[in-house]
C-alpha atoms as a PDB file:
ATOM      1  CA  MET A   1     -15.118  -1.494 -21.313  1.00  0.00           C
ATOM      2  CA  ALA A   2     -17.390  -4.346 -20.168  1.00  0.00           C
ATOM      3  CA  ASN A   3     -17.009  -5.810 -16.687  1.00  0.00           C
ATOM      4  CA  LYS A   4     -16.137  -9.196 -18.044  1.00  0.00           C
ATOM      5  CA  ALA A   5     -13.256  -7.656 -20.009  1.00  0.00           C
ATOM      6  CA  ILE A   6     -12.016  -5.783 -16.919  1.00  0.00           C
ATOM      7  CA  GLU A   7     -12.200  -8.966 -14.841  1.00  0.00           C
ATOM      8  CA  ALA A   8     -10.163 -10.832 -17.497  1.00  0.00           C
ATOM      9  CA  LEU A   9      -7.620  -7.962 -17.642  1.00  0.00           C
ATOM     10  CA  LEU A  10      -7.198  -8.016 -13.890  1.00  0.00           C
ATOM     11  CA  LYS A  11      -6.426 -11.672 -14.042  1.00  0.00           C
ATOM     12  CA  GLU A  12      -3.963 -11.225 -16.940  1.00  0.00           C
ATOM     13  CA  LYS A  13      -2.214  -8.039 -15.789  1.00  0.00           C
ATOM     14  CA  LYS A  14       0.752  -8.691 -13.528  1.00  0.00           C
ATOM     15  CA  ILE A  15       1.546  -6.630 -10.484  1.00  0.00           C
ATOM     16  CA  TYR A  16       5.047  -5.688 -11.792  1.00  0.00           C
ATOM     17  CA  GLN A  17       3.334  -3.978 -14.751  1.00  0.00           C
ATOM     18  CA  ILE A  18       1.622  -1.405 -12.580  1.00  0.00           C
ATOM     19  CA  ILE A  19       3.824  -0.789  -9.568  1.00  0.00           C
ATOM     20  CA  ASN A  20       5.534   2.473  -8.674  1.00  0.00           C
ATOM     21  CA  PRO A  21       9.325   1.935  -8.279  1.00  0.00           C
ATOM     22  CA  LYS A  22       9.302   3.774  -4.884  1.00  0.00           C
ATOM     23  CA  CYS A  23       9.839   1.461  -1.912  1.00  0.00           C
ATOM     24  CA  VAL A  24      10.673   2.875   1.502  1.00  0.00           C
ATOM     25  CA  THR A  25      12.834   0.424   3.487  1.00  0.00           C
ATOM     26  CA  THR A  26      14.897   0.276   6.604  1.00  0.00           C
ATOM     27  CA  HIS A  27      16.310  -2.341   8.959  1.00  0.00           C
ATOM     28  CA  PRO A  28      14.456  -3.653  12.059  1.00  0.00           C
ATOM     29  CA  ASP A  29      16.862  -2.033  14.554  1.00  0.00           C
ATOM     30  CA  VAL A  30      16.224   1.565  13.504  1.00  0.00           C
ATOM     31  CA  SER A  31      14.606   3.511  16.306  1.00  0.00           C
ATOM     32  CA  VAL A  32      10.964   4.346  16.483  1.00  0.00           C
ATOM     33  CA  LYS A  33      11.831   8.023  16.278  1.00  0.00           C
ATOM     34  CA  ARG A  34      14.042   7.550  13.188  1.00  0.00           C
ATOM     35  CA  ALA A  35      11.430   5.295  11.532  1.00  0.00           C
ATOM     36  CA  ILE A  36       8.833   8.018  11.854  1.00  0.00           C
ATOM     37  CA  GLU A  37      11.216  10.567  10.499  1.00  0.00           C
ATOM     38  CA  ILE A  38      11.860   8.276   7.506  1.00  0.00           C
ATOM     39  CA  MET A  39       8.137   8.046   6.855  1.00  0.00           C
ATOM     40  CA  GLN A  40       7.799  11.819   7.116  1.00  0.00           C
ATOM     41  CA  GLU A  41      10.845  12.458   4.816  1.00  0.00           C
ATOM     42  CA  ASN A  42       9.383  10.114   2.246  1.00  0.00           C
ATOM     43  CA  LYS A  43       5.778  11.262   2.673  1.00  0.00           C
ATOM     44  CA  SER A  44       5.055   7.577   3.197  1.00  0.00           C
ATOM     45  CA  GLY A  45       2.537   5.688   5.355  1.00  0.00           C
ATOM     46  CA  TYR A  46       4.724   2.599   5.502  1.00  0.00           C
ATOM     47  CA  ILE A  47       8.230   1.254   5.747  1.00  0.00           C
ATOM     48  CA  VAL A  48       9.134  -2.249   4.553  1.00  0.00           C
ATOM     49  CA  VAL A  49      11.458  -3.700   7.148  1.00  0.00           C
ATOM     50  CA  ALA A  50      14.213  -5.804   5.653  1.00  0.00           C
ATOM     51  CA  GLU A  51      17.330  -7.675   6.664  1.00  0.00           C
ATOM     52  CA  ASN A  52      19.684  -8.997   3.933  1.00  0.00           C
ATOM     53  CA  ASN A  53      17.138  -8.019   1.307  1.00  0.00           C
ATOM     54  CA  LYS A  54      14.478 -10.264   2.958  1.00  0.00           C
ATOM     55  CA  CYS A  55      11.222  -8.689   4.119  1.00  0.00           C
ATOM     56  CA  VAL A  56      10.909  -9.361   7.877  1.00  0.00           C
ATOM     57  CA  GLY A  57       8.189  -6.863   8.626  1.00  0.00           C
ATOM     58  CA  MET A  58       6.086  -3.789   7.891  1.00  0.00           C
ATOM     59  CA  PHE A  59       5.891  -0.708   9.988  1.00  0.00           C
ATOM     60  CA  THR A  60       2.913   1.511   9.092  1.00  0.00           C
ATOM     61  CA  GLU A  61       1.065   4.550  10.291  1.00  0.00           C
ATOM     62  CA  THR A  62      -1.406   2.138  11.689  1.00  0.00           C
ATOM     63  CA  ASP A  63       1.269   0.621  13.896  1.00  0.00           C
ATOM     64  CA  VAL A  64       2.163   4.165  14.977  1.00  0.00           C
ATOM     65  CA  ALA A  65      -1.492   5.007  15.806  1.00  0.00           C
ATOM     66  CA  ARG A  66      -2.312   1.739  17.562  1.00  0.00           C
ATOM     67  CA  LYS A  67       0.995   0.834  19.263  1.00  0.00           C
ATOM     68  CA  ILE A  68       2.851   4.043  19.846  1.00  0.00           C
ATOM     69  CA  LEU A  69       0.758   7.239  20.127  1.00  0.00           C
ATOM     70  CA  GLY A  70      -0.595   7.919  23.625  1.00  0.00           C
ATOM     71  CA  LYS A  71       1.605   5.172  25.145  1.00  0.00           C
ATOM     72  CA  ASP A  72       4.746   5.455  27.255  1.00  0.00           C
ATOM     73  CA  VAL A  73       7.092   4.335  24.448  1.00  0.00           C
ATOM     74  CA  ASN A  74      10.877   4.592  24.403  1.00  0.00           C
ATOM     75  CA  TRP A  75      11.466   6.534  21.162  1.00  0.00           C
ATOM     76  CA  GLY A  76      14.860   4.889  20.975  1.00  0.00           C
ATOM     77  CA  ALA A  77      13.421   1.428  20.947  1.00  0.00           C
ATOM     78  CA  PRO A  78      13.829  -0.591  17.688  1.00  0.00           C
ATOM     79  CA  ILE A  79      10.854  -0.780  15.416  1.00  0.00           C
ATOM     80  CA  ARG A  80      11.070  -4.584  15.434  1.00  0.00           C
ATOM     81  CA  GLN A  81       9.165  -4.254  18.737  1.00  0.00           C
ATOM     82  CA  PHE A  82       6.259  -2.477  16.972  1.00  0.00           C
ATOM     83  CA  MET A  83       6.335  -3.682  13.379  1.00  0.00           C
ATOM     84  CA  THR A  84       4.056  -6.380  11.964  1.00  0.00           C
ATOM     85  CA  SER A  85       6.375  -9.325  11.698  1.00  0.00           C
ATOM     86  CA  SER A  86       6.257 -11.766   8.721  1.00  0.00           C
ATOM     87  CA  PRO A  87       3.685  -9.761   6.786  1.00  0.00           C
ATOM     88  CA  CYS A  88       1.715 -11.189   3.869  1.00  0.00           C
ATOM     89  CA  VAL A  89       3.638 -10.658   0.619  1.00  0.00           C
ATOM     90  CA  LEU A  90       2.977 -11.003  -3.041  1.00  0.00           C
ATOM     91  CA  ASN A  91       5.127 -11.927  -5.971  1.00  0.00           C
ATOM     92  CA  PRO A  92       5.356  -9.224  -8.648  1.00  0.00           C
ATOM     93  CA  ASN A  93       4.484 -11.848 -11.285  1.00  0.00           C
ATOM     94  CA  GLU A  94       1.077 -12.584  -9.638  1.00  0.00           C
ATOM     95  CA  PRO A  95      -2.046 -11.113 -11.214  1.00  0.00           C
ATOM     96  CA  VAL A  96      -3.374  -7.721 -10.098  1.00  0.00           C
ATOM     97  CA  ALA A  97      -6.662  -9.471  -9.184  1.00  0.00           C
ATOM     98  CA  LYS A  98      -4.901 -11.498  -6.460  1.00  0.00           C
ATOM     99  CA  ALA A  99      -3.543  -8.224  -4.998  1.00  0.00           C
ATOM    100  CA  ILE A 100      -6.972  -6.635  -4.986  1.00  0.00           C
ATOM    101  CA  ASP A 101      -8.424  -9.641  -3.243  1.00  0.00           C
ATOM    102  CA  MET A 102      -5.648  -9.786  -0.632  1.00  0.00           C
ATOM    103  CA  MET A 103      -5.668  -6.106   0.127  1.00  0.00           C
ATOM    104  CA  GLY A 104      -9.478  -5.981   0.271  1.00  0.00           C
ATOM    105  CA  ASP A 105      -9.815  -9.021   2.438  1.00  0.00           C
ATOM    106  CA  HIS A 106      -7.173  -7.933   4.967  1.00  0.00           C
ATOM    107  CA  ARG A 107      -7.563  -4.143   4.648  1.00  0.00           C
ATOM    108  CA  PHE A 108      -3.923  -3.699   3.749  1.00  0.00           C
ATOM    109  CA  TYR A 109      -2.794  -0.378   2.206  1.00  0.00           C
ATOM    110  CA  HIS A 110       0.688  -1.684   1.341  1.00  0.00           C
ATOM    111  CA  VAL A 111       1.952  -5.197   0.515  1.00  0.00           C
ATOM    112  CA  PRO A 112       5.672  -6.053   0.168  1.00  0.00           C
ATOM    113  CA  LEU A 113       6.660  -7.699  -3.084  1.00  0.00           C
ATOM    114  CA  VAL A 114       9.163 -10.521  -3.048  1.00  0.00           C
ATOM    115  CA  ASP A 115      10.614 -12.695  -5.816  1.00  0.00           C
ATOM    116  CA  ALA A 116      10.669 -16.512  -5.844  1.00  0.00           C
ATOM    117  CA  GLY A 117      13.850 -16.438  -3.695  1.00  0.00           C
ATOM    118  CA  GLY A 118      12.134 -14.291  -1.072  1.00  0.00           C
ATOM    119  CA  ASN A 119      14.119 -11.164  -1.988  1.00  0.00           C
ATOM    120  CA  LEU A 120      12.382  -7.853  -1.625  1.00  0.00           C
ATOM    121  CA  THR A 121      11.560  -6.305  -4.968  1.00  0.00           C
ATOM    122  CA  GLY A 122       9.196  -3.498  -4.097  1.00  0.00           C
ATOM    123  CA  VAL A 123       5.849  -2.625  -2.621  1.00  0.00           C
ATOM    124  CA  LEU A 124       2.361  -2.395  -3.908  1.00  0.00           C
ATOM    125  CA  SER A 125       0.151   0.400  -2.532  1.00  0.00           C
ATOM    126  CA  VAL A 126      -3.595   0.653  -2.533  1.00  0.00           C
ATOM    127  CA  ARG A 127      -3.108   4.095  -4.099  1.00  0.00           C
ATOM    128  CA  THR A 128      -1.387   2.464  -7.117  1.00  0.00           C
ATOM    129  CA  LEU A 129      -4.262   0.019  -7.440  1.00  0.00           C
ATOM    130  CA  ILE A 130      -6.859   2.769  -7.264  1.00  0.00           C
ATOM    131  CA  ARG A 131      -5.052   4.727  -9.972  1.00  0.00           C
ATOM    132  CA  PHE A 132      -4.848   1.598 -12.090  1.00  0.00           C
ATOM    133  CA  LEU A 133      -8.575   0.810 -11.632  1.00  0.00           C
ATOM    134  CA  ALA A 134      -9.583   4.415 -12.280  1.00  0.00           C
ATOM    135  CA  GLU A 135      -8.220   4.168 -15.833  1.00  0.00           C
ATOM    136  CA  PHE A 136     -11.138   1.796 -16.647  1.00  0.00           C
ATOM    137  CA  TYR A 137     -13.761   4.247 -15.383  1.00  0.00           C
ATOM    138  CA  PRO A 138     -12.404   7.721 -16.142  1.00  0.00           C
ATOM    139  CA  THR A 139     -15.841   9.406 -16.706  1.00  0.00           C
ATOM    140  CA  GLU A 140     -17.284   7.970 -13.463  1.00  0.00           C
ATOM    141  CA  VAL A 141     -14.170   8.842 -11.397  1.00  0.00           C
ATOM    142  CA  PHE A 142     -13.491  12.311 -12.747  1.00  0.00           C
ATOM    143  CA  ASN A 143     -17.183  13.352 -12.504  1.00  0.00           C
ATOM    144  CA  LEU A 144     -17.591  12.390  -8.865  1.00  0.00           C
ATOM    145  CA  PRO A 145     -18.820  15.283  -6.726  1.00  0.00           C
ATOM    146  CA  PRO A 146     -16.743  16.125  -3.642  1.00  0.00           C
ATOM    147  CA  ASP A 147     -19.700  14.897  -1.567  1.00  0.00           C
ATOM    148  CA  PRO A 148     -21.006  11.511  -2.908  1.00  0.00           C
ATOM    149  CA  ASN A 149     -24.508  12.376  -1.562  1.00  0.00           C
ATOM    150  CA  GLN A 150     -24.583  15.687  -3.336  1.00  0.00           C
ATOM    151  CA  VAL A 151     -27.470  16.221  -5.784  1.00  0.00           C
ATOM    152  CA  MET A 152     -27.101  19.047  -8.221  1.00  0.00           C
ATOM    153  CA  THR A 153     -30.233  21.160  -8.540  1.00  0.00           C
ATOM    154  CA  SER A 154     -29.121  22.829 -11.847  1.00  0.00           C
ATOM    155  CA  PRO A 155     -26.816  21.838 -14.650  1.00  0.00           C
ATOM    156  CA  GLU A 156     -23.124  22.707 -14.078  1.00  0.00           C
ATOM    157  CA  GLY A 157     -22.447  26.314 -14.968  1.00  0.00           C
ATOM    158  CA  GLY A 158     -26.221  27.129 -14.887  1.00  0.00           C
END
């Protein structure tokens, strides 16, 4: 598939068409300890923090690493003290290209999705985007060596 065709598809394809239905959420008054347990239970690097189905924050493994680990933190404190308040959000009807731009520009791994009324509808993860993009380059992706600098001295199997 030509790069122009991929670029056009990324502008046409909507976020809701590629997202995974999984969305880990909790309220802003859950304790730091419980929030981390929720992340572990769900094998998730994020929690979308919501009140009345409105996204009020994101609590991520980056927040844990930068704001909690190695600090004298009260594990019973609410995550609202450590979350990223009023995070950037996307509408699921926006093009995938916009999500790629936002996530790349801001180095986000997860972006909450909200409808026109501001109601939480899901989350878009960078992993979902990578899987979606890999569909366009299957040969290149599946044939990558474990070490990108690896140079084979003989044909595979030889």
